[in-house]
C-alpha atoms as a PDB file:
ATOM      1  CA  UNK A   1      53.902 -22.084 -10.755  1.00  0.00           C
ATOM      2  CA  UNK A   2      55.905 -19.840 -13.055  1.00  0.00           C
ATOM      3  CA  UNK A   3      54.372 -16.654 -11.644  1.00  0.00           C
ATOM      4  CA  UNK A   4      50.848 -17.704 -12.652  1.00  0.00           C
ATOM      5  CA  UNK A   5      49.472 -16.727  -9.237  1.00  0.00           C
ATOM      6  CA  UNK A   6      48.221 -20.279  -8.687  1.00  0.00           C
ATOM      7  CA  UNK A   7      49.540 -23.104  -6.503  1.00  0.00           C
ATOM      8  CA  UNK A   8      48.300 -26.670  -7.046  1.00  0.00           C
ATOM      9  CA  UNK A   9      45.475 -25.255  -9.117  1.00  0.00           C
ATOM     10  CA  UNK A  10      44.096 -23.172  -6.170  1.00  0.00           C
ATOM     11  CA  UNK A  11      43.908 -19.399  -6.763  1.00  0.00           C
ATOM     12  CA  UNK A  12      45.651 -17.250  -4.170  1.00  0.00           C
ATOM     13  CA  UNK A  13      44.002 -13.934  -3.230  1.00  0.00           C
ATOM     14  CA  UNK A  14      45.996 -11.501  -1.082  1.00  0.00           C
ATOM     15  CA  UNK A  15      43.729  -9.094   0.814  1.00  0.00           C
ATOM     16  CA  UNK A  16      45.813  -6.184   2.087  1.00  0.00           C
ATOM     17  CA  UNK A  17      44.212  -4.243   4.923  1.00  0.00           C
ATOM     18  CA  UNK A  18      45.536  -0.810   5.734  1.00  0.00           C
ATOM     19  CA  UNK A  19      45.465  -0.108   9.437  1.00  0.00           C
ATOM     20  CA  UNK A  20      44.564   3.476  10.205  1.00  0.00           C
ATOM     21  CA  UNK A  21      46.416   4.275  13.419  1.00  0.00           C
ATOM     22  CA  UNK A  22      45.269   7.489  14.974  1.00  0.00           C
ATOM     23  CA  UNK A  23      47.578   9.063  17.469  1.00  0.00           C
ATOM     24  CA  UNK A  24      46.001  10.739  20.441  1.00  0.00           C
ATOM     25  CA  UNK A  25      47.035  14.253  21.365  1.00  0.00           C
ATOM     26  CA  UNK A  26      49.254  12.828  24.109  1.00  0.00           C
ATOM     27  CA  UNK A  27      51.061  10.332  21.845  1.00  0.00           C
ATOM     28  CA  UNK A  28      51.472  12.689  18.911  1.00  0.00           C
ATOM     29  CA  UNK A  29      55.076  13.826  18.278  1.00  0.00           C
ATOM     30  CA  UNK A  30      55.619  16.942  20.370  1.00  0.00           C
ATOM     31  CA  UNK A  31      52.589  16.149  22.575  1.00  0.00           C
ATOM     32  CA  UNK A  32      52.872  16.011  26.384  1.00  0.00           C
ATOM     33  CA  UNK A  33      53.371  12.239  26.506  1.00  0.00           C
ATOM     34  CA  UNK A  34      56.184  12.403  23.965  1.00  0.00           C
ATOM     35  CA  UNK A  35      58.197  14.702  26.206  1.00  0.00           C
ATOM     36  CA  UNK A  36      57.930  12.667  29.397  1.00  0.00           C
ATOM     37  CA  UNK A  37      61.015  11.224  31.027  1.00  0.00           C
ATOM     38  CA  UNK A  38      61.470   8.737  33.835  1.00  0.00           C
ATOM     39  CA  UNK A  39      62.267  11.633  36.205  1.00  0.00           C
ATOM     40  CA  UNK A  40      58.963  13.419  35.584  1.00  0.00           C
ATOM     41  CA  UNK A  41      56.546  13.739  38.483  1.00  0.00           C
ATOM     42  CA  UNK A  42      52.850  14.596  38.695  1.00  0.00           C
ATOM     43  CA  UNK A  43      53.517  18.335  38.444  1.00  0.00           C
ATOM     44  CA  UNK A  44      55.655  17.867  35.319  1.00  0.00           C
ATOM     45  CA  UNK A  45      52.776  15.989  33.693  1.00  0.00           C
ATOM     46  CA  UNK A  46      50.282  18.633  34.753  1.00  0.00           C
ATOM     47  CA  UNK A  47      52.403  21.407  33.264  1.00  0.00           C
ATOM     48  CA  UNK A  48      52.992  19.480  30.035  1.00  0.00           C
ATOM     49  CA  UNK A  49      49.263  19.006  29.575  1.00  0.00           C
ATOM     50  CA  UNK A  50      48.567  22.699  30.120  1.00  0.00           C
ATOM     51  CA  UNK A  51      51.321  23.646  27.671  1.00  0.00           C
ATOM     52  CA  UNK A  52      49.599  21.482  25.088  1.00  0.00           C
ATOM     53  CA  UNK A  53      46.088  22.787  25.812  1.00  0.00           C
ATOM     54  CA  UNK A  54      46.795  26.439  26.683  1.00  0.00           C
ATOM     55  CA  UNK A  55      50.262  27.309  25.329  1.00  0.00           C
ATOM     56  CA  UNK A  56      49.568  31.038  25.704  1.00  0.00           C
ATOM     57  CA  UNK A  57      49.452  30.721  29.529  1.00  0.00           C
ATOM     58  CA  UNK A  58      52.569  30.923  31.696  1.00  0.00           C
ATOM     59  CA  UNK A  59      52.169  28.146  34.249  1.00  0.00           C
ATOM     60  CA  UNK A  60      55.835  28.092  35.297  1.00  0.00           C
ATOM     61  CA  UNK A  61      55.064  29.216  38.857  1.00  0.00           C
ATOM     62  CA  UNK A  62      53.094  26.022  39.398  1.00  0.00           C
ATOM     63  CA  UNK A  63      56.352  24.091  39.169  1.00  0.00           C
ATOM     64  CA  UNK A  64      57.033  25.545  42.640  1.00  0.00           C
ATOM     65  CA  UNK A  65      53.567  26.253  44.051  1.00  0.00           C
ATOM     66  CA  UNK A  66      52.102  22.924  42.930  1.00  0.00           C
ATOM     67  CA  UNK A  67      54.950  21.003  44.501  1.00  0.00           C
ATOM     68  CA  UNK A  68      54.774  22.989  47.747  1.00  0.00           C
ATOM     69  CA  UNK A  69      51.074  22.180  48.115  1.00  0.00           C
ATOM     70  CA  UNK A  70      51.579  18.518  47.258  1.00  0.00           C
ATOM     71  CA  UNK A  71      54.616  18.099  49.504  1.00  0.00           C
ATOM     72  CA  UNK A  72      52.847  19.880  52.366  1.00  0.00           C
ATOM     73  CA  UNK A  73      50.043  17.315  52.268  1.00  0.00           C
ATOM     74  CA  UNK A  74      52.556  14.461  52.123  1.00  0.00           C
ATOM     75  CA  UNK A  75      54.557  15.798  55.065  1.00  0.00           C
ATOM     76  CA  UNK A  76      51.467  16.271  57.227  1.00  0.00           C
ATOM     77  CA  UNK A  77      50.311  12.739  56.415  1.00  0.00           C
ATOM     78  CA  UNK A  78      53.758  11.378  57.346  1.00  0.00           C
ATOM     79  CA  UNK A  79      53.753  13.313  60.615  1.00  0.00           C
ATOM     80  CA  UNK A  80      50.290  12.058  61.562  1.00  0.00           C
ATOM     81  CA  UNK A  81      51.325   8.474  60.775  1.00  0.00           C
ATOM     82  CA  UNK A  82      54.412   8.794  62.997  1.00  0.00           C
ATOM     83  CA  UNK A  83      52.406  10.294  65.876  1.00  0.00           C
ATOM     84  CA  UNK A  84      49.447   7.901  65.675  1.00  0.00           C
ATOM     85  CA  UNK A  85      51.041   5.256  67.946  1.00  0.00           C
ATOM     86  CA  UNK A  86      51.298   7.960  70.625  1.00  0.00           C
ATOM     87  CA  UNK A  87      47.625   8.850  70.284  1.00  0.00           C
ATOM     88  CA  UNK A  88      48.363  12.324  68.914  1.00  0.00           C
ATOM     89  CA  UNK A  89      47.322  14.276  65.856  1.00  0.00           C
ATOM     90  CA  UNK A  90      49.757  16.764  64.316  1.00  0.00           C
ATOM     91  CA  UNK A  91      47.746  19.737  65.648  1.00  0.00           C
ATOM     92  CA  UNK A  92      47.811  18.256  69.162  1.00  0.00           C
ATOM     93  CA  UNK A  93      51.582  17.972  68.971  1.00  0.00           C
ATOM     94  CA  UNK A  94      51.869  21.542  67.697  1.00  0.00           C
ATOM     95  CA  UNK A  95      49.963  22.893  70.711  1.00  0.00           C
ATOM     96  CA  UNK A  96      51.844  20.750  73.222  1.00  0.00           C
ATOM     97  CA  UNK A  97      55.178  21.650  71.629  1.00  0.00           C
ATOM     98  CA  UNK A  98      54.326  25.365  71.801  1.00  0.00           C
ATOM     99  CA  UNK A  99      53.656  25.031  75.524  1.00  0.00           C
ATOM    100  CA  UNK A 100      56.811  22.948  76.082  1.00  0.00           C
ATOM    101  CA  UNK A 101      59.377  24.988  74.180  1.00  0.00           C
ATOM    102  CA  UNK A 102      58.440  28.203  75.972  1.00  0.00           C
ATOM    103  CA  UNK A 103      59.949  26.813  79.158  1.00  0.00           C
ATOM    104  CA  UNK A 104      58.548  27.009  82.665  1.00  0.00           C
ATOM    105  CA  UNK A 105      55.787  27.380  83.679  1.00  0.00           C
ATOM    106  CA  UNK A 106      54.823  25.761  80.296  1.00  0.00           C
ATOM    107  CA  UNK A 107      51.807  28.041  80.007  1.00  0.00           C
ATOM    108  CA  UNK A 108      50.353  30.220  77.230  1.00  0.00           C
ATOM    109  CA  UNK A 109      47.130  32.077  76.540  1.00  0.00           C
ATOM    110  CA  UNK A 110      44.829  30.913  73.733  1.00  0.00           C
ATOM    111  CA  UNK A 111      45.841  33.979  71.698  1.00  0.00           C
ATOM    112  CA  UNK A 112      49.529  33.134  72.050  1.00  0.00           C
ATOM    113  CA  UNK A 113      48.808  29.563  71.007  1.00  0.00           C
ATOM    114  CA  UNK A 114      46.806  30.632  67.936  1.00  0.00           C
ATOM    115  CA  UNK A 115      49.629  32.943  66.839  1.00  0.00           C
ATOM    116  CA  UNK A 116      52.060  30.037  66.978  1.00  0.00           C
ATOM    117  CA  UNK A 117      49.930  27.147  65.759  1.00  0.00           C
ATOM    118  CA  UNK A 118      48.011  29.144  63.125  1.00  0.00           C
ATOM    119  CA  UNK A 119      44.599  27.517  63.408  1.00  0.00           C
ATOM    120  CA  UNK A 120      41.179  29.071  63.794  1.00  0.00           C
ATOM    121  CA  UNK A 121      39.731  30.035  67.156  1.00  0.00           C
ATOM    122  CA  UNK A 122      37.126  27.272  66.942  1.00  0.00           C
ATOM    123  CA  UNK A 123      39.718  24.634  66.040  1.00  0.00           C
ATOM    124  CA  UNK A 124      41.970  25.790  68.882  1.00  0.00           C
ATOM    125  CA  UNK A 125      39.127  25.524  71.404  1.00  0.00           C
ATOM    126  CA  UNK A 126      38.312  21.992  70.209  1.00  0.00           C
ATOM    127  CA  UNK A 127      41.988  20.999  70.398  1.00  0.00           C
ATOM    128  CA  UNK A 128      42.415  22.392  73.928  1.00  0.00           C
ATOM    129  CA  UNK A 129      39.219  20.659  75.072  1.00  0.00           C
ATOM    130  CA  UNK A 130      40.519  17.357  73.701  1.00  0.00           C
ATOM    131  CA  UNK A 131      43.933  17.741  75.338  1.00  0.00           C
ATOM    132  CA  UNK A 132      42.303  18.667  78.650  1.00  0.00           C
ATOM    133  CA  UNK A 133      40.028  15.619  78.540  1.00  0.00           C
ATOM    134  CA  UNK A 134      43.101  13.455  77.974  1.00  0.00           C
ATOM    135  CA  UNK A 135      44.839  14.964  80.996  1.00  0.00           C
ATOM    136  CA  UNK A 136      47.638  16.548  78.958  1.00  0.00           C
ATOM    137  CA  UNK A 137      46.873  20.191  79.780  1.00  0.00           C
ATOM    138  CA  UNK A 138      45.003  22.085  82.430  1.00  0.00           C
ATOM    139  CA  UNK A 139      43.154  25.392  82.132  1.00  0.00           C
ATOM    140  CA  UNK A 140      44.156  28.224  84.493  1.00  0.00           C
ATOM    141  CA  UNK A 141      41.784  31.173  84.843  1.00  0.00           C
ATOM    142  CA  UNK A 142      43.187  34.631  84.160  1.00  0.00           C
ATOM    143  CA  UNK A 143      42.606  36.717  87.300  1.00  0.00           C
ATOM    144  CA  UNK A 144      42.432  39.843  85.143  1.00  0.00           C
ATOM    145  CA  UNK A 145      39.927  38.397  82.649  1.00  0.00           C
ATOM    146  CA  UNK A 146      37.545  35.679  83.805  1.00  0.00           C
ATOM    147  CA  UNK A 147      36.476  35.073  80.195  1.00  0.00           C
ATOM    148  CA  UNK A 148      39.956  33.844  79.328  1.00  0.00           C
ATOM    149  CA  UNK A 149      42.048  31.003  80.684  1.00  0.00           C
ATOM    150  CA  UNK A 150      45.620  30.009  79.930  1.00  0.00           C
ATOM    151  CA  UNK A 151      46.598  26.476  78.960  1.00  0.00           C
ATOM    152  CA  UNK A 152      49.406  24.761  80.874  1.00  0.00           C
ATOM    153  CA  UNK A 153      51.087  21.384  80.493  1.00  0.00           C
ATOM    154  CA  UNK A 154      50.384  18.721  83.080  1.00  0.00           C
ATOM    155  CA  UNK A 155      53.114  16.317  84.168  1.00  0.00           C
ATOM    156  CA  UNK A 156      51.641  13.719  81.820  1.00  0.00           C
ATOM    157  CA  UNK A 157      51.512  16.259  79.004  1.00  0.00           C
ATOM    158  CA  UNK A 158      55.152  17.192  79.424  1.00  0.00           C
ATOM    159  CA  UNK A 159      56.247  13.542  79.468  1.00  0.00           C
ATOM    160  CA  UNK A 160      54.279  12.833  76.291  1.00  0.00           C
ATOM    161  CA  UNK A 161      55.508  15.862  74.348  1.00  0.00           C
ATOM    162  CA  UNK A 162      59.124  15.123  75.286  1.00  0.00           C
ATOM    163  CA  UNK A 163      58.687  11.684  73.733  1.00  0.00           C
ATOM    164  CA  UNK A 164      56.596  12.855  70.781  1.00  0.00           C
ATOM    165  CA  UNK A 165      58.887  15.678  69.723  1.00  0.00           C
ATOM    166  CA  UNK A 166      61.810  13.254  69.425  1.00  0.00           C
ATOM    167  CA  UNK A 167      59.646  11.077  67.162  1.00  0.00           C
ATOM    168  CA  UNK A 168      58.618  14.141  65.166  1.00  0.00           C
ATOM    169  CA  UNK A 169      62.171  15.381  64.624  1.00  0.00           C
ATOM    170  CA  UNK A 170      63.332  11.909  63.572  1.00  0.00           C
ATOM    171  CA  UNK A 171      60.484  11.668  61.051  1.00  0.00           C
ATOM    172  CA  UNK A 172      61.299  15.135  59.681  1.00  0.00           C
ATOM    173  CA  UNK A 173      64.941  14.163  59.225  1.00  0.00           C
ATOM    174  CA  UNK A 174      63.878  11.005  57.411  1.00  0.00           C
ATOM    175  CA  UNK A 175      61.622  13.045  55.113  1.00  0.00           C
ATOM    176  CA  UNK A 176      64.660  15.065  54.012  1.00  0.00           C
ATOM    177  CA  UNK A 177      67.021  12.112  53.740  1.00  0.00           C
ATOM    178  CA  UNK A 178      67.070  12.426  49.946  1.00  0.00           C
ATOM    179  CA  UNK A 179      68.695  15.856  50.188  1.00  0.00           C
ATOM    180  CA  UNK A 180      72.261  16.666  51.119  1.00  0.00           C
ATOM    181  CA  UNK A 181      72.907  18.911  54.107  1.00  0.00           C
ATOM    182  CA  UNK A 182      73.801  21.734  51.706  1.00  0.00           C
ATOM    183  CA  UNK A 183      70.588  21.199  49.714  1.00  0.00           C
ATOM    184  CA  UNK A 184      68.525  21.257  52.892  1.00  0.00           C
ATOM    185  CA  UNK A 185      70.166  24.458  54.128  1.00  0.00           C
ATOM    186  CA  UNK A 186      69.649  26.174  50.766  1.00  0.00           C
ATOM    187  CA  UNK A 187      66.040  25.031  50.605  1.00  0.00           C
ATOM    188  CA  UNK A 188      65.403  26.404  54.105  1.00  0.00           C
ATOM    189  CA  UNK A 189      66.746  29.804  53.014  1.00  0.00           C
ATOM    190  CA  UNK A 190      64.591  29.855  49.871  1.00  0.00           C
ATOM    191  CA  UNK A 191      61.447  28.802  51.736  1.00  0.00           C
ATOM    192  CA  UNK A 192      62.082  31.461  54.375  1.00  0.00           C
ATOM    193  CA  UNK A 193      62.452  34.063  51.628  1.00  0.00           C
ATOM    194  CA  UNK A 194      59.238  32.905  49.965  1.00  0.00           C
ATOM    195  CA  UNK A 195      57.402  33.033  53.287  1.00  0.00           C
ATOM    196  CA  UNK A 196      58.512  36.608  53.871  1.00  0.00           C
ATOM    197  CA  UNK A 197      57.494  37.577  50.340  1.00  0.00           C
ATOM    198  CA  UNK A 198      54.031  36.106  50.825  1.00  0.00           C
ATOM    199  CA  UNK A 199      53.682  37.952  54.130  1.00  0.00           C
ATOM    200  CA  UNK A 200      54.761  41.294  52.681  1.00  0.00           C
ATOM    201  CA  UNK A 201      52.198  43.898  51.505  1.00  0.00           C
ATOM    202  CA  UNK A 202      51.187  43.615  47.845  1.00  0.00           C
ATOM    203  CA  UNK A 203      53.867  44.934  45.517  1.00  0.00           C
ATOM    204  CA  UNK A 204      56.657  44.809  48.098  1.00  0.00           C
ATOM    205  CA  UNK A 205      59.507  42.323  48.154  1.00  0.00           C
ATOM    206  CA  UNK A 206      61.844  41.197  50.911  1.00  0.00           C
ATOM    207  CA  UNK A 207      64.898  43.032  49.616  1.00  0.00           C
ATOM    208  CA  UNK A 208      66.882  39.794  49.940  1.00  0.00           C
ATOM    209  CA  UNK A 209      68.973  38.279  47.195  1.00  0.00           C
END
């Protein structure tokens, strides 16, 4: 052989192919994919992508707002799943619970219910109609206003809400099982503060620290 480039009289040709590897924007060093960690969630990925595409924008608030919206949907889905075996939707439970926790005579006007449950007038009417058909509430005419009638729990309604609210509280506790008691208490304070800030007139804060 002696470095002649031949073996057994057969020429050897080495074809070297250069592979051109193009990194996508996500895989490029410093790109959003490069900064991901195993603890990142969907909101972290969303923010990383916006930082890469629109670095001049401050999207930091979405770290809170995005998670609140996402977690709210998850919590409502969990609540509905827990209540389904009892034949209740979360809104049904909310109305029944509002009637129950007010104490005897377990009665409230539609306006009082809307203020507590925070749903539209049309949705409240549909909910009350459904609960009445199922024998869980009864309508009582207002002697002072025949156009209005209060909603009151029936015996069956009270028995069901007493069972359902225990299920609901247990599910809520399970949803927060990943937090310590101190974390949960602190989160409750922060969420209360945020709620008051959102309810305050534009430009005004809560004055809380």
